[in-house]
Structures are given as structure tokens and as C-alpha cells.
Amino acid sequence: MHALVIGGTGMLADVSLWLVREGYYVSVIARRYARMKQLIDCAGQTASITPLLVDYRDQEALCSLISRTIQKNGTFDLIIAWVHTDGKQALPTVIQKNSRHPGPWRLFHVLGSRADPAEAKAELCLPAACLYRQVQLGFVVEEHGSRWLTHQEISDGVIDAIRRDAPFHLVGTLDRSEKKRPR
């Protein structure tokens, strides 16, 4: 089983490590060598992690690295993608490169609290074999207000979404009426 995690050394680092423990061969896209080294060190020497050091906004470099990892390790059975709005072409590129997958594969698209899930899906050209899932990140309501999710809460929520395999999964809340939204 081959998984790709876009943004897998930051808030999704624990997702990357969990996938390794679950038996996946994990390709991880990240920009910073130090964070990648830290992830690989946490996974241990026998870990199955392929580092893809690239700024996913660099279309040419992204295409090249994705093609190489697919050639070496096969297409992706699972993709977890946290892509900022300034990298709009990254996810379509990865989807297109994975379109040769021989059977069904899952894509978990991680969205920020302000994203419109219907619009996010409509912007993508999804092949029939892609089982598209969304994970929307909200915030946490506490006694004296609200706060953004921690990296641990985000990773735990994404792992829960993968386990549940539902079309949509909300981590935290988006209900503005409970407390003022964090800034």
C-alpha cells in the first residue's frame, strides 16, 4: 500500500507516522529538510518514508517528483492533501498523475474552516476510481472563547476520518453561534 501525504511534516506529521505504523509505504511532500529529517527520525530507521522535498507551487518540480515516486513505489492507494490556496494546481497535478491507478483509491482533501466544501470539490476533475473525501478543520470552543485546533487534534481528526471513510468529516466545530471564532 502506498500513501501520499501533502504537508506531512507539519500539522499532519502524526498522520504520516500513523500510516507507517499501519503498514503503508508513505511518500511525504514537504518544503523543509529539517522537518523531513525529524519525521524520518521519529519513524525509525526501518520506516518506509520517501521524502519529496518540493514547494508544491513549483509545478515542474512537483510533476517530476510525483512521477518518480510513482515509478519507484507504484500509484497511490491513499492521498491526504493539505494544500493552501496559493498552490491550487498542486492537487489537480497529483490527481492527474495518480489517474493510472488500477483500481479504487481514496483522496482525503483537508480543508480550512473558511473553505466551501462543495466549491472545493467542484474545482477538481476527479477520475471515476477516486473515492473523494473531505476533512474540514474548524475550531474548539472553550469556556472563555474559542481557539484553533492543535496539530495533535488535526492529526487525530484526519486519522479518525480515514478510519471512518465517510464522504465528509468535521474536526472541531464551525458553529459561530457558540463562541466568537478565533482570529
N, C-alpha and C. Protein backbone atom coordinates (compact mmCIF):
# COMPACT_ATOMS: atom_id res chain seq x y z
N MET A 1 0.85 -1.18 0.00
CA MET A 1 0.00 0.00 0.00
C MET A 1 0.89 1.24 0.00
N HIS A 2 0.55 2.18 -0.84
CA HIS A 2 1.34 3.40 -1.00
C HIS A 2 0.44 4.60 -0.69
N ALA A 3 0.90 5.45 0.21
CA ALA A 3 0.16 6.66 0.58
C ALA A 3 1.02 7.88 0.27
N LEU A 4 0.35 8.98 -0.04
CA LEU A 4 0.99 10.27 -0.22
C LEU A 4 0.38 11.23 0.78
N VAL A 5 1.24 11.95 1.51
CA VAL A 5 0.75 12.97 2.43
C VAL A 5 1.37 14.30 1.99
N ILE A 6 0.51 15.22 1.59
CA ILE A 6 0.96 16.56 1.21
C ILE A 6 0.87 17.43 2.46
N GLY A 7 2.02 17.92 2.90
CA GLY A 7 2.06 18.66 4.16
C GLY A 7 2.27 17.71 5.33
N GLY A 8 2.97 16.63 5.09
CA GLY A 8 3.08 15.55 6.07
C GLY A 8 4.15 15.70 7.13
N THR A 9 4.82 16.86 7.19
CA THR A 9 5.82 17.05 8.24
C THR A 9 5.38 18.10 9.26
N GLY A 10 4.31 18.79 8.99
CA GLY A 10 3.79 19.82 9.89
C GLY A 10 2.61 19.30 10.69
N MET A 11 1.46 19.90 10.45
CA MET A 11 0.29 19.51 11.24
C MET A 11 -0.17 18.08 10.93
N LEU A 12 0.29 17.49 9.84
CA LEU A 12 -0.08 16.12 9.50
C LEU A 12 1.05 15.12 9.78
N ALA A 13 2.06 15.53 10.54
CA ALA A 13 3.18 14.63 10.83
C ALA A 13 2.72 13.35 11.51
N ASP A 14 1.82 13.46 12.46
CA ASP A 14 1.35 12.26 13.16
C ASP A 14 0.53 11.37 12.24
N VAL A 15 -0.09 11.94 11.22
CA VAL A 15 -0.80 11.13 10.23
C VAL A 15 0.23 10.31 9.43
N SER A 16 1.31 10.96 9.03
CA SER A 16 2.37 10.25 8.30
C SER A 16 2.92 9.09 9.12
N LEU A 17 3.19 9.34 10.39
CA LEU A 17 3.73 8.30 11.26
C LEU A 17 2.72 7.18 11.48
N TRP A 18 1.45 7.53 11.64
CA TRP A 18 0.39 6.53 11.81
C TRP A 18 0.30 5.63 10.58
N LEU A 19 0.38 6.23 9.40
CA LEU A 19 0.31 5.43 8.17
C LEU A 19 1.46 4.43 8.08
N VAL A 20 2.66 4.85 8.50
CA VAL A 20 3.80 3.94 8.53
C VAL A 20 3.48 2.77 9.46
N ARG A 21 2.96 3.07 10.64
CA ARG A 21 2.61 2.00 11.60
C ARG A 21 1.52 1.09 11.06
N GLU A 22 0.66 1.64 10.20
CA GLU A 22 -0.42 0.84 9.61
C GLU A 22 0.06 0.00 8.42
N GLY A 23 1.32 0.12 8.07
CA GLY A 23 1.90 -0.71 7.02
C GLY A 23 1.98 -0.06 5.65
N TYR A 24 1.71 1.21 5.57
CA TYR A 24 1.80 1.92 4.29
C TYR A 24 3.25 2.28 3.99
N TYR A 25 3.58 2.30 2.73
CA TYR A 25 4.80 2.95 2.26
C TYR A 25 4.36 4.40 2.02
N VAL A 26 4.98 5.36 2.70
CA VAL A 26 4.47 6.73 2.72
C VAL A 26 5.44 7.68 2.01
N SER A 27 4.93 8.34 0.97
CA SER A 27 5.65 9.44 0.32
C SER A 27 5.13 10.73 0.94
N VAL A 28 6.04 11.60 1.34
CA VAL A 28 5.66 12.81 2.04
C VAL A 28 6.20 14.03 1.31
N ILE A 29 5.29 14.94 0.96
CA ILE A 29 5.68 16.20 0.35
C ILE A 29 5.86 17.24 1.45
N ALA A 30 7.03 17.88 1.43
CA ALA A 30 7.34 18.94 2.38
C ALA A 30 8.39 19.85 1.77
N ARG A 31 8.48 21.04 2.30
CA ARG A 31 9.46 22.01 1.79
C ARG A 31 10.76 22.01 2.56
N ARG A 32 10.71 21.68 3.83
CA ARG A 32 11.88 21.86 4.70
C ARG A 32 12.58 20.55 5.04
N TYR A 33 13.87 20.52 4.75
CA TYR A 33 14.68 19.33 5.01
C TYR A 33 14.69 18.98 6.51
N ALA A 34 14.83 19.98 7.37
CA ALA A 34 14.93 19.72 8.81
C ALA A 34 13.68 19.03 9.34
N ARG A 35 12.51 19.49 8.91
CA ARG A 35 11.26 18.86 9.35
C ARG A 35 11.14 17.44 8.80
N MET A 36 11.58 17.23 7.57
CA MET A 36 11.53 15.90 6.98
C MET A 36 12.46 14.95 7.75
N LYS A 37 13.66 15.42 8.05
CA LYS A 37 14.60 14.60 8.81
C LYS A 37 14.02 14.24 10.18
N GLN A 38 13.38 15.20 10.82
CA GLN A 38 12.76 14.96 12.12
C GLN A 38 11.67 13.89 12.00
N LEU A 39 10.86 13.97 10.95
CA LEU A 39 9.80 12.98 10.74
C LEU A 39 10.40 11.58 10.54
N ILE A 40 11.41 11.50 9.69
CA ILE A 40 12.05 10.21 9.41
C ILE A 40 12.70 9.66 10.68
N ASP A 41 13.33 10.52 11.46
CA ASP A 41 13.94 10.08 12.72
C ASP A 41 12.89 9.55 13.69
N CYS A 42 11.73 10.21 13.75
CA CYS A 42 10.64 9.75 14.62
C CYS A 42 10.10 8.40 14.15
N ALA A 43 10.09 8.18 12.86
CA ALA A 43 9.55 6.94 12.32
C ALA A 43 10.50 5.77 12.55
N GLY A 44 11.77 6.04 12.72
CA GLY A 44 12.75 4.98 12.94
C GLY A 44 13.45 4.59 11.66
N GLN A 45 14.54 3.87 11.81
CA GLN A 45 15.37 3.53 10.66
C GLN A 45 14.69 2.57 9.69
N THR A 46 13.77 1.76 10.16
CA THR A 46 13.12 0.79 9.27
C THR A 46 11.87 1.36 8.62
N ALA A 47 11.60 2.63 8.87
CA ALA A 47 10.37 3.25 8.35
C ALA A 47 10.38 3.31 6.83
N SER A 48 9.21 3.26 6.30
CA SER A 48 9.01 3.31 4.85
C SER A 48 8.52 4.69 4.44
N ILE A 49 9.41 5.66 4.47
CA ILE A 49 9.05 7.03 4.10
C ILE A 49 9.95 7.47 2.95
N THR A 50 9.30 7.98 1.89
CA THR A 50 10.04 8.60 0.79
C THR A 50 9.87 10.10 0.90
N PRO A 51 10.95 10.83 1.16
CA PRO A 51 10.83 12.28 1.24
C PRO A 51 10.74 12.90 -0.16
N LEU A 52 9.77 13.75 -0.35
CA LEU A 52 9.61 14.51 -1.59
C LEU A 52 9.75 15.99 -1.22
N LEU A 53 10.99 16.46 -1.21
CA LEU A 53 11.26 17.83 -0.82
C LEU A 53 11.00 18.74 -2.01
N VAL A 54 9.90 19.48 -1.93
CA VAL A 54 9.49 20.35 -3.02
C VAL A 54 8.50 21.38 -2.49
N ASP A 55 8.51 22.54 -3.07
CA ASP A 55 7.45 23.51 -2.85
C ASP A 55 6.38 23.17 -3.86
N TYR A 56 5.24 22.69 -3.41
CA TYR A 56 4.22 22.20 -4.34
C TYR A 56 3.69 23.26 -5.28
N ARG A 57 4.06 24.52 -5.08
CA ARG A 57 3.68 25.57 -6.04
C ARG A 57 4.57 25.56 -7.27
N ASP A 58 5.71 24.84 -7.19
CA ASP A 58 6.62 24.68 -8.32
C ASP A 58 6.12 23.48 -9.13
N GLN A 59 5.30 23.76 -10.11
CA GLN A 59 4.60 22.74 -10.89
C GLN A 59 5.53 21.73 -11.55
N GLU A 60 6.59 22.22 -12.15
CA GLU A 60 7.52 21.35 -12.85
C GLU A 60 8.22 20.38 -11.89
N ALA A 61 8.71 20.90 -10.77
CA ALA A 61 9.39 20.05 -9.78
C ALA A 61 8.42 19.05 -9.16
N LEU A 62 7.21 19.50 -8.87
CA LEU A 62 6.19 18.61 -8.29
C LEU A 62 5.89 17.46 -9.25
N CYS A 63 5.64 17.77 -10.51
CA CYS A 63 5.36 16.73 -11.52
C CYS A 63 6.48 15.70 -11.58
N SER A 64 7.71 16.19 -11.59
CA SER A 64 8.86 15.31 -11.69
C SER A 64 8.96 14.37 -10.49
N LEU A 65 8.83 14.92 -9.29
CA LEU A 65 8.94 14.09 -8.08
C LEU A 65 7.79 13.08 -7.96
N ILE A 66 6.58 13.51 -8.28
CA ILE A 66 5.44 12.59 -8.21
C ILE A 66 5.62 11.46 -9.22
N SER A 67 6.04 11.79 -10.42
CA SER A 67 6.27 10.76 -11.44
C SER A 67 7.33 9.77 -10.98
N ARG A 68 8.41 10.27 -10.39
CA ARG A 68 9.49 9.38 -9.93
C ARG A 68 9.04 8.47 -8.80
N THR A 69 8.28 9.01 -7.84
CA THR A 69 7.87 8.16 -6.72
C THR A 69 6.83 7.13 -7.17
N ILE A 70 5.99 7.49 -8.13
CA ILE A 70 5.03 6.51 -8.67
C ILE A 70 5.79 5.43 -9.44
N GLN A 71 6.78 5.82 -10.21
CA GLN A 71 7.57 4.84 -10.96
C GLN A 71 8.28 3.88 -10.01
N LYS A 72 8.79 4.41 -8.91
CA LYS A 72 9.54 3.58 -7.96
C LYS A 72 8.62 2.75 -7.05
N ASN A 73 7.55 3.35 -6.54
CA ASN A 73 6.73 2.72 -5.49
C ASN A 73 5.30 2.39 -5.92
N GLY A 74 4.92 2.74 -7.13
CA GLY A 74 3.56 2.49 -7.60
C GLY A 74 2.65 3.67 -7.33
N THR A 75 1.46 3.62 -7.91
CA THR A 75 0.47 4.68 -7.71
C THR A 75 0.02 4.70 -6.25
N PHE A 76 -0.68 5.76 -5.89
CA PHE A 76 -1.10 5.95 -4.51
C PHE A 76 -2.46 5.31 -4.27
N ASP A 77 -2.54 4.51 -3.21
CA ASP A 77 -3.81 3.94 -2.78
C ASP A 77 -4.57 4.93 -1.91
N LEU A 78 -3.82 5.86 -1.31
CA LEU A 78 -4.39 6.82 -0.38
C LEU A 78 -3.60 8.13 -0.50
N ILE A 79 -4.33 9.23 -0.63
CA ILE A 79 -3.70 10.56 -0.66
C ILE A 79 -4.37 11.42 0.41
N ILE A 80 -3.56 12.04 1.26
CA ILE A 80 -4.05 13.00 2.23
C ILE A 80 -3.43 14.33 1.82
N ALA A 81 -4.27 15.31 1.52
CA ALA A 81 -3.78 16.55 0.92
C ALA A 81 -4.23 17.78 1.70
N TRP A 82 -3.28 18.48 2.28
CA TRP A 82 -3.49 19.79 2.87
C TRP A 82 -2.74 20.77 1.98
N VAL A 83 -3.48 21.48 1.14
CA VAL A 83 -2.87 22.38 0.16
C VAL A 83 -3.45 23.78 0.38
N HIS A 84 -2.58 24.74 0.58
CA HIS A 84 -3.02 26.13 0.76
C HIS A 84 -3.55 26.69 -0.56
N THR A 85 -4.34 27.73 -0.48
CA THR A 85 -4.97 28.31 -1.66
C THR A 85 -3.98 28.84 -2.68
N ASP A 86 -2.75 29.16 -2.27
CA ASP A 86 -1.77 29.65 -3.22
C ASP A 86 -1.12 28.52 -4.02
N GLY A 87 -1.52 27.29 -3.76
CA GLY A 87 -1.00 26.14 -4.50
C GLY A 87 -2.10 25.37 -5.20
N LYS A 88 -3.03 26.10 -5.78
CA LYS A 88 -4.23 25.49 -6.37
C LYS A 88 -3.96 24.40 -7.41
N GLN A 89 -2.84 24.45 -8.10
CA GLN A 89 -2.57 23.45 -9.14
C GLN A 89 -1.93 22.18 -8.60
N ALA A 90 -1.49 22.19 -7.35
CA ALA A 90 -0.80 21.02 -6.79
C ALA A 90 -1.71 19.80 -6.73
N LEU A 91 -2.90 19.94 -6.17
CA LEU A 91 -3.77 18.78 -6.03
C LEU A 91 -4.25 18.26 -7.38
N PRO A 92 -4.69 19.11 -8.32
CA PRO A 92 -5.04 18.57 -9.64
C PRO A 92 -3.88 17.83 -10.31
N THR A 93 -2.66 18.31 -10.11
CA THR A 93 -1.48 17.65 -10.68
C THR A 93 -1.31 16.26 -10.09
N VAL A 94 -1.41 16.15 -8.79
CA VAL A 94 -1.26 14.86 -8.12
C VAL A 94 -2.38 13.90 -8.55
N ILE A 95 -3.60 14.39 -8.62
CA ILE A 95 -4.73 13.56 -9.04
C ILE A 95 -4.49 13.03 -10.46
N GLN A 96 -4.07 13.91 -11.35
CA GLN A 96 -3.83 13.51 -12.73
C GLN A 96 -2.72 12.46 -12.81
N LYS A 97 -1.66 12.66 -12.05
CA LYS A 97 -0.54 11.71 -12.05
C LYS A 97 -0.96 10.35 -11.49
N ASN A 98 -1.94 10.34 -10.60
CA ASN A 98 -2.39 9.08 -9.99
C ASN A 98 -3.53 8.43 -10.76
N SER A 99 -3.95 9.03 -11.86
CA SER A 99 -5.12 8.54 -12.60
C SER A 99 -4.91 7.16 -13.23
N ARG A 100 -3.68 6.69 -13.26
CA ARG A 100 -3.41 5.36 -13.81
C ARG A 100 -3.55 4.26 -12.77
N HIS A 101 -3.99 4.62 -11.57
CA HIS A 101 -4.16 3.61 -10.52
C HIS A 101 -5.11 2.53 -11.04
N PRO A 102 -4.76 1.26 -10.83
CA PRO A 102 -5.55 0.18 -11.43
C PRO A 102 -6.92 -0.05 -10.81
N GLY A 103 -7.19 0.52 -9.66
CA GLY A 103 -8.49 0.29 -9.02
C GLY A 103 -8.88 1.50 -8.21
N PRO A 104 -9.86 1.35 -7.32
CA PRO A 104 -10.28 2.48 -6.48
C PRO A 104 -9.17 2.94 -5.55
N TRP A 105 -9.10 4.25 -5.36
CA TRP A 105 -8.16 4.83 -4.41
C TRP A 105 -8.85 5.99 -3.71
N ARG A 106 -8.36 6.32 -2.51
CA ARG A 106 -9.01 7.33 -1.70
C ARG A 106 -8.18 8.61 -1.61
N LEU A 107 -8.89 9.74 -1.67
CA LEU A 107 -8.30 11.06 -1.52
C LEU A 107 -9.00 11.76 -0.37
N PHE A 108 -8.25 12.11 0.66
CA PHE A 108 -8.77 12.89 1.78
C PHE A 108 -8.25 14.31 1.62
N HIS A 109 -9.15 15.21 1.25
CA HIS A 109 -8.84 16.61 0.99
C HIS A 109 -9.08 17.38 2.28
N VAL A 110 -8.02 17.88 2.90
CA VAL A 110 -8.13 18.61 4.15
C VAL A 110 -8.38 20.08 3.82
N LEU A 111 -9.47 20.61 4.39
CA LEU A 111 -9.91 21.98 4.10
C LEU A 111 -9.88 22.84 5.36
N GLY A 112 -9.59 24.10 5.19
CA GLY A 112 -9.64 25.05 6.30
C GLY A 112 -11.07 25.40 6.67
N SER A 113 -11.23 26.11 7.76
CA SER A 113 -12.56 26.42 8.29
C SER A 113 -13.37 27.33 7.38
N ARG A 114 -12.70 28.13 6.58
CA ARG A 114 -13.42 29.06 5.70
C ARG A 114 -13.73 28.48 4.33
N ALA A 115 -13.23 27.30 4.05
CA ALA A 115 -13.44 26.69 2.73
C ALA A 115 -14.90 26.27 2.55
N ASP A 116 -15.34 26.32 1.31
CA ASP A 116 -16.66 25.82 0.94
C ASP A 116 -16.45 24.42 0.37
N PRO A 117 -16.87 23.37 1.09
CA PRO A 117 -16.62 22.00 0.63
C PRO A 117 -17.15 21.71 -0.78
N ALA A 118 -18.35 22.20 -1.10
CA ALA A 118 -18.92 21.95 -2.43
C ALA A 118 -18.06 22.61 -3.51
N GLU A 119 -17.62 23.82 -3.25
CA GLU A 119 -16.77 24.54 -4.21
C GLU A 119 -15.42 23.85 -4.37
N ALA A 120 -14.85 23.40 -3.26
CA ALA A 120 -13.54 22.72 -3.31
C ALA A 120 -13.62 21.47 -4.18
N LYS A 121 -14.69 20.72 -4.04
CA LYS A 121 -14.85 19.50 -4.85
C LYS A 121 -15.09 19.85 -6.31
N ALA A 122 -15.90 20.87 -6.55
CA ALA A 122 -16.24 21.27 -7.93
C ALA A 122 -15.01 21.73 -8.71
N GLU A 123 -14.01 22.24 -8.02
CA GLU A 123 -12.79 22.73 -8.68
C GLU A 123 -11.88 21.60 -9.16
N LEU A 124 -12.16 20.37 -8.74
CA LEU A 124 -11.29 19.24 -9.08
C LEU A 124 -11.91 18.38 -10.17
N CYS A 125 -11.08 17.83 -11.02
CA CYS A 125 -11.51 16.87 -12.03
C CYS A 125 -11.13 15.49 -11.48
N LEU A 126 -12.11 14.80 -10.92
CA LEU A 126 -11.85 13.55 -10.22
C LEU A 126 -12.13 12.35 -11.12
N PRO A 127 -11.16 11.46 -11.26
CA PRO A 127 -11.40 10.25 -12.05
C PRO A 127 -12.41 9.35 -11.33
N ALA A 128 -13.06 8.49 -12.08
CA ALA A 128 -14.10 7.61 -11.52
C ALA A 128 -13.57 6.73 -10.40
N ALA A 129 -12.31 6.35 -10.46
CA ALA A 129 -11.74 5.45 -9.45
C ALA A 129 -11.40 6.16 -8.13
N CYS A 130 -11.46 7.49 -8.12
CA CYS A 130 -11.12 8.25 -6.92
C CYS A 130 -12.31 8.32 -5.97
N LEU A 131 -12.12 7.84 -4.77
CA LEU A 131 -13.13 7.95 -3.71
C LEU A 131 -12.76 9.22 -2.93
N TYR A 132 -13.45 10.31 -3.25
CA TYR A 132 -13.11 11.62 -2.71
C TYR A 132 -13.75 11.83 -1.35
N ARG A 133 -12.94 12.23 -0.39
CA ARG A 133 -13.38 12.51 0.97
C ARG A 133 -12.89 13.89 1.37
N GLN A 134 -13.64 14.55 2.25
CA GLN A 134 -13.23 15.86 2.74
C GLN A 134 -13.13 15.84 4.25
N VAL A 135 -12.10 16.52 4.76
CA VAL A 135 -11.92 16.71 6.18
C VAL A 135 -11.82 18.22 6.39
N GLN A 136 -12.83 18.78 7.04
CA GLN A 136 -12.80 20.23 7.27
C GLN A 136 -12.36 20.52 8.69
N LEU A 137 -11.43 21.45 8.82
CA LEU A 137 -10.88 21.83 10.11
C LEU A 137 -11.61 23.04 10.64
N GLY A 138 -12.15 22.92 11.83
CA GLY A 138 -12.85 24.02 12.45
C GLY A 138 -12.04 24.61 13.59
N PHE A 139 -12.68 24.79 14.71
CA PHE A 139 -12.03 25.31 15.90
C PHE A 139 -12.64 24.65 17.11
N VAL A 140 -12.10 24.92 18.28
CA VAL A 140 -12.55 24.32 19.53
C VAL A 140 -13.16 25.41 20.40
N VAL A 141 -14.34 25.14 20.93
CA VAL A 141 -14.99 26.07 21.84
C VAL A 141 -14.59 25.71 23.26
N GLU A 142 -14.12 26.71 23.98
CA GLU A 142 -13.74 26.52 25.38
C GLU A 142 -14.54 27.48 26.24
N GLU A 143 -14.36 27.39 27.53
CA GLU A 143 -15.13 28.18 28.49
C GLU A 143 -15.09 29.68 28.21
N HIS A 144 -13.91 30.20 27.87
CA HIS A 144 -13.77 31.65 27.70
C HIS A 144 -13.62 32.07 26.25
N GLY A 145 -14.04 31.25 25.32
CA GLY A 145 -13.92 31.62 23.91
C GLY A 145 -13.62 30.39 23.07
N SER A 146 -12.94 30.63 22.00
CA SER A 146 -12.61 29.52 21.10
C SER A 146 -11.15 29.65 20.67
N ARG A 147 -10.63 28.54 20.14
CA ARG A 147 -9.24 28.53 19.70
C ARG A 147 -9.13 27.63 18.49
N TRP A 148 -8.03 27.80 17.75
CA TRP A 148 -7.77 26.93 16.62
C TRP A 148 -7.37 25.55 17.12
N LEU A 149 -7.51 24.56 16.29
CA LEU A 149 -7.11 23.20 16.60
C LEU A 149 -5.59 23.10 16.72
N THR A 150 -5.12 22.23 17.59
CA THR A 150 -3.68 21.96 17.68
C THR A 150 -3.30 20.97 16.58
N HIS A 151 -2.01 20.83 16.33
CA HIS A 151 -1.55 19.85 15.35
C HIS A 151 -2.00 18.45 15.74
N GLN A 152 -1.96 18.13 17.04
CA GLN A 152 -2.39 16.81 17.51
C GLN A 152 -3.87 16.60 17.24
N GLU A 153 -4.70 17.60 17.52
CA GLU A 153 -6.14 17.48 17.26
C GLU A 153 -6.42 17.32 15.77
N ILE A 154 -5.66 18.03 14.95
CA ILE A 154 -5.83 17.91 13.50
C ILE A 154 -5.45 16.52 13.04
N SER A 155 -4.28 16.04 13.45
CA SER A 155 -3.85 14.69 13.06
C SER A 155 -4.85 13.64 13.54
N ASP A 156 -5.27 13.75 14.79
CA ASP A 156 -6.24 12.78 15.32
C ASP A 156 -7.54 12.81 14.52
N GLY A 157 -7.97 14.00 14.14
CA GLY A 157 -9.20 14.14 13.35
C GLY A 157 -9.06 13.54 11.96
N VAL A 158 -7.92 13.74 11.33
CA VAL A 158 -7.69 13.18 9.99
C VAL A 158 -7.61 11.65 10.08
N ILE A 159 -6.92 11.14 11.09
CA ILE A 159 -6.86 9.68 11.27
C ILE A 159 -8.25 9.12 11.49
N ASP A 160 -9.05 9.78 12.30
CA ASP A 160 -10.44 9.36 12.52
C ASP A 160 -11.22 9.36 11.21
N ALA A 161 -11.01 10.38 10.39
CA ALA A 161 -11.70 10.46 9.09
C ALA A 161 -11.30 9.29 8.19
N ILE A 162 -10.01 8.95 8.19
CA ILE A 162 -9.54 7.82 7.38
C ILE A 162 -10.18 6.53 7.87
N ARG A 163 -10.22 6.34 9.16
CA ARG A 163 -10.84 5.13 9.74
C ARG A 163 -12.32 5.04 9.40
N ARG A 164 -13.03 6.16 9.50
CA ARG A 164 -14.48 6.18 9.25
C ARG A 164 -14.80 6.10 7.76
N ASP A 165 -13.92 6.65 6.94
CA ASP A 165 -14.08 6.66 5.49
C ASP A 165 -15.41 7.26 5.03
N ALA A 166 -15.86 8.29 5.73
CA ALA A 166 -17.10 8.97 5.35
C ALA A 166 -16.78 10.05 4.31
N PRO A 167 -17.75 10.42 3.48
CA PRO A 167 -17.50 11.46 2.47
C PRO A 167 -17.11 12.82 3.06
N PHE A 168 -17.57 13.12 4.29
CA PHE A 168 -17.26 14.39 4.92
C PHE A 168 -17.03 14.16 6.41
N HIS A 169 -15.99 14.81 6.93
CA HIS A 169 -15.67 14.70 8.36
C HIS A 169 -15.27 16.07 8.87
N LEU A 170 -15.89 16.53 9.93
CA LEU A 170 -15.57 17.82 10.54
C LEU A 170 -14.74 17.59 11.79
N VAL A 171 -13.63 18.30 11.90
CA VAL A 171 -12.79 18.24 13.09
C VAL A 171 -13.02 19.54 13.85
N GLY A 172 -13.55 19.44 15.06
CA GLY A 172 -13.91 20.63 15.82
C GLY A 172 -15.31 21.06 15.45
N THR A 173 -15.53 22.37 15.46
CA THR A 173 -16.84 22.91 15.12
C THR A 173 -16.68 24.12 14.19
N LEU A 174 -17.73 24.40 13.45
CA LEU A 174 -17.78 25.61 12.63
C LEU A 174 -18.91 26.52 13.09
N ASP A 175 -19.57 26.12 14.17
CA ASP A 175 -20.73 26.85 14.68
C ASP A 175 -20.29 28.16 15.32
N ARG A 176 -20.54 29.23 14.63
CA ARG A 176 -20.13 30.56 15.10
C ARG A 176 -20.99 31.04 16.27
N SER A 177 -22.15 30.46 16.44
CA SER A 177 -23.05 30.94 17.49
C SER A 177 -22.57 30.53 18.89
N GLU A 178 -21.73 29.49 18.97
CA GLU A 178 -21.29 29.02 20.29
C GLU A 178 -20.39 30.04 20.97
N LYS A 179 -19.35 30.46 20.31
CA LYS A 179 -18.40 31.47 20.82
C LYS A 179 -17.81 32.16 19.61
N LYS A 180 -17.20 33.29 19.85
CA LYS A 180 -16.58 34.01 18.75
C LYS A 180 -15.45 33.17 18.12
N ARG A 181 -15.43 33.14 16.81
CA ARG A 181 -14.42 32.40 16.05
C ARG A 181 -13.02 32.98 16.33
N PRO A 182 -12.01 32.11 16.45
CA PRO A 182 -10.65 32.62 16.67
C PRO A 182 -10.16 33.43 15.48
N ARG A 183 -9.25 34.33 15.74
CA ARG A 183 -8.69 35.14 14.65
C ARG A 183 -7.32 34.67 14.29
